[in-house]
Amino acid sequence: MYIWRKHAGRGWLRDRIEPLARRFGRALAVVERPGGKRGLLEVCCRTKKEAQKLIREFGGSMKKLQPDWLQHFAKQTVGKPLRIGSRLIILSAPAQRATAAQTLIIPAEAAFGTGQHATTAMCLRLLEQTTRAFPPGWTMLDAGTGSGILAIAGCYFGAGRVLAIDNDPVACATAKRNVRANRTRNVEIRTADILKQNLRGKFEIITANLFSEILIAALPNWSRHLAPGGQMILSGILRSQETRVVRALEQHNFTASEIRHRGKWIAICCQSGRPSPTSTC
């Protein structure tokens, strides 16, 4: 495995981030400091040839990863327990296991989604809040499941069936392992393109922590598969993209019932129809 890296100005990043996201998916990471003029792009490459191709195309540099890089990464990224309302505690290592009845373990691995990132944490809290009044047995679609954290949390909150989709086979393998490790039932992990997947039936909850361009492209399909009275929870959206996403939601007869902000990121809880939106920071 190799890592391709490139430092670039904010303008260069802004113009290329969405095409690069479509091209590389979860293999792409972008690191920016608040107020900084430059950011860092990283792409995980399976071969040296792939990394060299990126250098020829964009410049930058590459680094070969050690065989045990994933274990080393996991040891360095053990976070503090994350409490989601009164119903769930998320840990990143079994040794942290708490005494709470509802404890979910998501190790830090290659697939995105340990709960520590702002977008994941906001989605988890919106999911917990939204489903408090739901009777057990509701259905859920988790688009771009990554580590499976939202799908598993949905089961903890009472989902009777969860369909979790990701186009990355590594992410799906990780999600399946996390489902087994947490003894979670009723979760189907499917490797597929969410924009091309032929969905069946209706879902009371749809969650998606993805780039805004993908979210917008998926709205026509999701509007046909959200059950009456259902809720859609979206994140992976930058503050600068909020207006564009809200406008796209309105065009497909969705309204944001709650918008949360954390740093440069936002998360939106929306539903069909046009209630008055609220904003929580």
Protein backbone atom coordinates (compact mmCIF):
# COMPACT_ATOMS: atom_id res chain seq x y z
CA MET A 1 0.00 0.00 0.00
CA TYR A 2 1.11 3.55 -0.80
CA ILE A 3 -0.07 7.01 0.20
CA TRP A 4 -0.04 9.82 -2.35
CA ARG A 5 0.12 13.29 -0.80
CA LYS A 6 -0.16 16.82 -2.15
CA HIS A 7 -0.25 20.20 -0.39
CA ALA A 8 -2.47 22.66 -2.26
CA GLY A 9 -4.12 26.06 -1.89
CA ARG A 10 -7.76 26.38 -0.87
CA GLY A 11 -8.78 27.47 -4.37
CA TRP A 12 -7.17 24.41 -5.97
CA LEU A 13 -8.90 22.19 -3.42
CA ARG A 14 -12.29 23.86 -3.88
CA ASP A 15 -12.20 23.41 -7.66
CA ARG A 16 -11.17 19.73 -7.55
CA ILE A 17 -12.51 18.20 -4.34
CA GLU A 18 -15.82 16.88 -5.73
CA PRO A 19 -14.35 15.31 -8.93
CA LEU A 20 -11.62 13.72 -6.81
CA ALA A 21 -14.23 12.46 -4.33
CA ARG A 22 -16.19 10.79 -7.11
CA ARG A 23 -13.00 9.26 -8.49
CA PHE A 24 -11.43 7.95 -5.29
CA GLY A 25 -14.32 7.69 -2.80
CA ARG A 26 -13.17 6.72 0.69
CA ALA A 27 -9.57 6.38 -0.44
CA LEU A 28 -9.41 10.19 -0.46
CA ALA A 29 -8.68 12.25 2.67
CA VAL A 30 -8.54 16.05 2.89
CA VAL A 31 -6.88 17.75 5.87
CA GLU A 32 -7.44 21.48 6.40
CA ARG A 33 -6.71 23.72 9.38
CA PRO A 34 -9.22 26.44 10.35
CA GLY A 35 -8.07 29.71 8.76
CA GLY A 36 -5.24 28.02 6.89
CA LYS A 37 -4.47 28.93 3.28
CA ARG A 38 -3.36 25.44 2.26
CA GLY A 39 -4.64 21.92 2.76
CA LEU A 40 -3.33 18.39 2.37
CA LEU A 41 -4.78 15.74 0.06
CA GLU A 42 -4.05 12.07 0.60
CA VAL A 43 -5.09 9.08 -1.49
CA CYS A 44 -4.54 5.49 -0.42
CA CYS A 45 -3.19 3.51 -3.42
CA ARG A 46 -2.97 -0.26 -3.64
CA THR A 47 0.11 -0.20 -5.90
CA LYS A 48 3.15 1.97 -6.51
CA LYS A 49 2.01 2.37 -10.12
CA GLU A 50 -1.25 4.02 -9.00
CA ALA A 51 0.62 6.49 -6.79
CA GLN A 52 3.10 7.31 -9.55
CA LYS A 53 0.21 8.02 -11.92
CA LEU A 54 -1.17 10.59 -9.47
CA ILE A 55 2.23 12.25 -9.19
CA ARG A 56 2.40 12.58 -12.98
CA GLU A 57 -1.13 13.98 -13.05
CA PHE A 58 -1.10 16.33 -10.06
CA GLY A 59 2.42 16.45 -8.65
CA GLY A 60 2.96 15.71 -4.97
CA SER A 61 4.78 12.76 -3.42
CA MET A 62 4.19 9.19 -2.28
CA LYS A 63 5.09 7.07 0.72
CA LYS A 64 5.10 3.31 1.09
CA LEU A 65 3.15 2.00 4.07
CA GLN A 66 4.56 -0.62 6.39
CA PRO A 67 2.82 -4.04 6.38
CA ASP A 68 1.41 -3.38 9.88
CA TRP A 69 0.26 0.19 9.15
CA LEU A 70 -3.38 -0.54 9.96
CA GLN A 71 -2.62 -1.95 13.42
CA HIS A 72 -0.33 1.00 14.13
CA PHE A 73 -3.01 3.44 12.98
CA ALA A 74 -5.65 1.80 15.16
CA LYS A 75 -3.45 2.06 18.26
CA GLN A 76 -2.88 5.76 17.62
CA THR A 77 -6.54 6.62 17.06
CA VAL A 78 -8.29 5.13 20.08
CA GLY A 79 -10.71 7.88 21.09
CA LYS A 80 -12.68 8.61 24.20
CA PRO A 81 -16.06 6.93 24.68
CA LEU A 82 -18.76 8.79 22.75
CA ARG A 83 -22.15 9.06 24.45
CA ILE A 84 -25.16 9.37 22.12
CA GLY A 85 -28.09 10.65 24.17
CA SER A 86 -29.07 8.28 26.98
CA ARG A 87 -29.30 5.16 24.81
CA LEU A 88 -25.83 4.44 23.44
CA ILE A 89 -22.11 4.61 24.18
CA ILE A 90 -19.64 4.11 21.33
CA LEU A 91 -16.15 2.79 22.03
CA SER A 92 -13.17 2.31 19.71
CA ALA A 93 -11.59 -0.60 21.60
CA PRO A 94 -12.97 -3.59 23.57
CA ALA A 95 -10.76 -2.70 26.52
CA GLN A 96 -12.84 0.46 26.93
CA ARG A 97 -16.05 -1.54 27.34
CA ALA A 98 -18.31 0.27 29.76
CA THR A 99 -21.00 -1.04 32.05
CA ALA A 100 -23.84 0.57 30.10
CA ALA A 101 -26.38 -1.87 28.67
CA GLN A 102 -26.12 -0.38 25.18
CA THR A 103 -22.44 -0.30 24.17
CA LEU A 104 -21.26 -0.35 20.57
CA ILE A 105 -17.63 -0.99 19.57
CA ILE A 106 -16.29 0.44 16.29
CA PRO A 107 -12.49 -0.01 15.99
CA ALA A 108 -10.46 2.62 14.13
CA GLU A 109 -9.83 0.98 10.75
CA ALA A 110 -9.48 1.86 7.09
CA ALA A 111 -13.21 2.51 6.59
CA PHE A 112 -14.46 5.93 7.67
CA GLY A 113 -16.77 6.14 10.65
CA THR A 114 -15.69 5.64 14.27
CA GLY A 115 -18.08 8.28 15.58
CA GLN A 116 -15.32 10.75 16.38
CA HIS A 117 -15.66 12.81 13.18
CA ALA A 118 -18.10 15.72 13.46
CA THR A 119 -20.31 14.52 10.59
CA THR A 120 -20.67 11.01 12.02
CA ALA A 121 -21.34 12.28 15.54
CA MET A 122 -24.03 14.68 14.31
CA CYS A 123 -25.71 11.90 12.30
CA LEU A 124 -25.68 9.59 15.32
CA ARG A 125 -27.24 12.20 17.58
CA LEU A 126 -29.90 13.13 15.04
CA LEU A 127 -30.66 9.42 14.54
CA GLU A 128 -31.01 8.88 18.29
CA GLN A 129 -33.20 11.96 18.71
CA THR A 130 -35.41 11.26 15.69
CA THR A 131 -36.16 7.63 16.56
CA ARG A 132 -37.08 8.12 20.23
CA ALA A 133 -40.78 8.14 19.41
CA PHE A 134 -40.61 5.38 16.78
CA PRO A 135 -42.17 2.05 17.76
CA PRO A 136 -39.70 -0.85 17.39
CA GLY A 137 -39.41 -2.48 14.00
CA TRP A 138 -38.93 0.51 11.68
CA THR A 139 -36.86 0.21 8.49
CA MET A 140 -33.68 2.08 7.58
CA LEU A 141 -31.47 2.71 4.54
CA ASP A 142 -27.86 3.66 5.31
CA ALA A 143 -26.27 4.96 2.09
CA GLY A 144 -22.46 4.97 2.11
CA THR A 145 -22.29 2.90 5.28
CA GLY A 146 -18.49 2.89 5.69
CA SER A 147 -17.76 1.13 8.97
CA GLY A 148 -21.48 0.38 9.44
CA ILE A 149 -21.70 2.59 12.51
CA LEU A 150 -25.01 4.26 11.61
CA ALA A 151 -26.58 0.97 10.52
CA ILE A 152 -25.59 -0.75 13.77
CA ALA A 153 -26.71 2.22 15.86
CA GLY A 154 -30.06 2.09 14.04
CA CYS A 155 -30.55 -1.48 15.27
CA TYR A 156 -29.70 -0.40 18.81
CA PHE A 157 -32.37 2.31 18.50
CA GLY A 158 -35.07 -0.15 17.39
CA ALA A 159 -34.77 -0.73 13.63
CA GLY A 160 -36.24 -4.04 12.50
CA ARG A 161 -34.44 -4.04 9.15
CA VAL A 162 -31.47 -2.04 7.88
CA LEU A 163 -30.11 -2.01 4.34
CA ALA A 164 -26.55 -0.65 4.35
CA ILE A 165 -24.92 0.14 0.99
CA ASP A 166 -21.38 1.14 0.06
CA ASN A 167 -19.49 0.97 -3.24
CA ASP A 168 -16.19 0.14 -1.49
CA PRO A 169 -15.70 -3.62 -0.90
CA VAL A 170 -13.18 -2.91 1.89
CA ALA A 171 -15.72 -0.73 3.69
CA CYS A 172 -18.40 -3.42 3.30
CA ALA A 173 -16.07 -6.11 4.66
CA THR A 174 -15.31 -3.86 7.65
CA ALA A 175 -19.01 -3.15 8.20
CA LYS A 176 -19.83 -6.88 8.14
CA ARG A 177 -17.09 -7.53 10.70
CA ASN A 178 -18.45 -4.77 12.96
CA VAL A 179 -22.00 -6.13 12.63
CA ARG A 180 -20.79 -9.56 13.75
CA ALA A 181 -18.63 -8.14 16.55
CA ASN A 182 -21.57 -6.20 17.98
CA ARG A 183 -23.95 -9.19 17.58
CA THR A 184 -26.29 -7.05 15.52
CA ARG A 185 -29.09 -8.70 13.60
CA ASN A 186 -31.28 -7.52 10.73
CA VAL A 187 -28.51 -5.61 8.90
CA GLU A 188 -27.92 -6.38 5.23
CA ILE A 189 -24.59 -5.06 3.89
CA ARG A 190 -24.59 -4.64 0.13
CA THR A 191 -21.70 -3.59 -2.14
CA ALA A 192 -23.28 -1.30 -4.73
CA ASP A 193 -23.34 2.20 -6.22
CA ILE A 194 -26.02 4.11 -4.33
CA LEU A 195 -26.81 6.17 -7.43
CA LYS A 196 -27.50 3.03 -9.50
CA GLN A 197 -28.91 0.69 -6.87
CA ASN A 198 -32.47 -0.46 -7.56
CA LEU A 199 -34.15 -0.02 -4.19
CA ARG A 200 -37.35 -1.80 -3.18
CA GLY A 201 -39.92 -0.76 -0.63
CA LYS A 202 -40.04 2.21 1.73
CA PHE A 203 -37.78 3.23 4.63
CA GLU A 204 -38.79 5.17 7.74
CA ILE A 205 -35.21 6.45 8.07
CA ILE A 206 -32.61 7.20 5.40
CA THR A 207 -29.10 8.16 6.54
CA ALA A 208 -26.26 9.30 4.29
CA ASN A 209 -22.90 10.77 5.32
CA LEU A 210 -21.53 11.57 1.86
CA PHE A 211 -20.23 14.41 -0.28
CA SER A 212 -22.95 16.93 -1.11
CA GLU A 213 -22.81 16.30 -4.86
CA ILE A 214 -23.65 12.62 -4.30
CA LEU A 215 -26.42 13.50 -1.84
CA ILE A 216 -28.05 15.85 -4.34
CA ALA A 217 -27.82 13.31 -7.16
CA ALA A 218 -29.48 10.64 -4.99
CA LEU A 219 -32.46 12.77 -3.87
CA PRO A 220 -34.83 11.80 -6.74
CA ASN A 221 -34.44 8.10 -5.88
CA TRP A 222 -34.66 8.60 -2.14
CA SER A 223 -37.80 10.71 -2.47
CA ARG A 224 -39.54 7.65 -3.91
CA HIS A 225 -38.42 5.36 -1.09
CA LEU A 226 -38.92 7.47 2.04
CA ALA A 227 -42.02 6.25 3.87
CA PRO A 228 -44.78 8.73 4.79
CA GLY A 229 -43.72 10.48 7.98
CA GLY A 230 -40.16 9.24 7.53
CA GLN A 231 -37.00 11.22 8.18
CA MET A 232 -33.81 11.64 6.18
CA ILE A 233 -30.51 12.45 7.94
CA LEU A 234 -27.74 13.84 5.74
CA SER A 235 -24.19 14.98 6.45
CA GLY A 236 -20.75 15.21 4.85
CA ILE A 237 -21.86 18.72 3.85
CA LEU A 238 -19.63 21.78 4.23
CA ARG A 239 -21.15 25.00 5.61
CA SER A 240 -20.40 26.64 2.26
CA GLN A 241 -22.62 24.02 0.56
CA GLU A 242 -25.62 24.43 2.89
CA THR A 243 -27.64 26.74 0.63
CA ARG A 244 -27.14 24.52 -2.41
CA VAL A 245 -28.19 21.36 -0.56
CA VAL A 246 -31.25 22.99 1.07
CA ARG A 247 -32.34 24.31 -2.33
CA ALA A 248 -32.01 20.82 -3.84
CA LEU A 249 -34.06 19.37 -0.97
CA GLU A 250 -36.84 21.90 -1.60
CA GLN A 251 -36.86 21.04 -5.31
CA HIS A 252 -37.63 17.42 -4.35
CA ASN A 253 -40.30 18.39 -1.77
CA PHE A 254 -38.07 17.89 1.27
CA THR A 255 -37.72 20.45 4.04
CA ALA A 256 -34.95 20.67 6.60
CA SER A 257 -36.61 20.32 10.01
CA GLU A 258 -33.27 20.70 11.80
CA ILE A 259 -29.79 21.82 10.72
CA ARG A 260 -26.81 21.29 13.02
CA HIS A 261 -23.40 22.93 12.66
CA ARG A 262 -20.05 21.67 13.97
CA GLY A 263 -16.96 23.50 12.77
CA LYS A 264 -17.01 23.60 8.96
CA TRP A 265 -19.56 20.77 8.70
CA ILE A 266 -23.35 20.60 8.85
CA ALA A 267 -25.91 17.81 9.25
CA ILE A 268 -29.52 18.07 8.11
CA CYS A 269 -32.60 16.22 9.31
CA CYS A 270 -35.39 16.55 6.77
CA GLN A 271 -38.78 15.16 5.84
CA SER A 272 -41.33 15.38 3.04
CA GLY A 273 -43.53 18.47 3.04
CA ARG A 274 -42.78 21.98 4.21
CA PRO A 275 -42.69 22.47 8.03
CA SER A 276 -40.84 25.44 9.45
CA PRO A 277 -37.11 24.64 9.67
CA THR A 278 -35.05 25.14 12.81
CA SER A 279 -31.31 25.48 13.15
CA THR A 280 -29.24 24.14 16.04
CA CYS A 281 -25.58 25.08 16.40
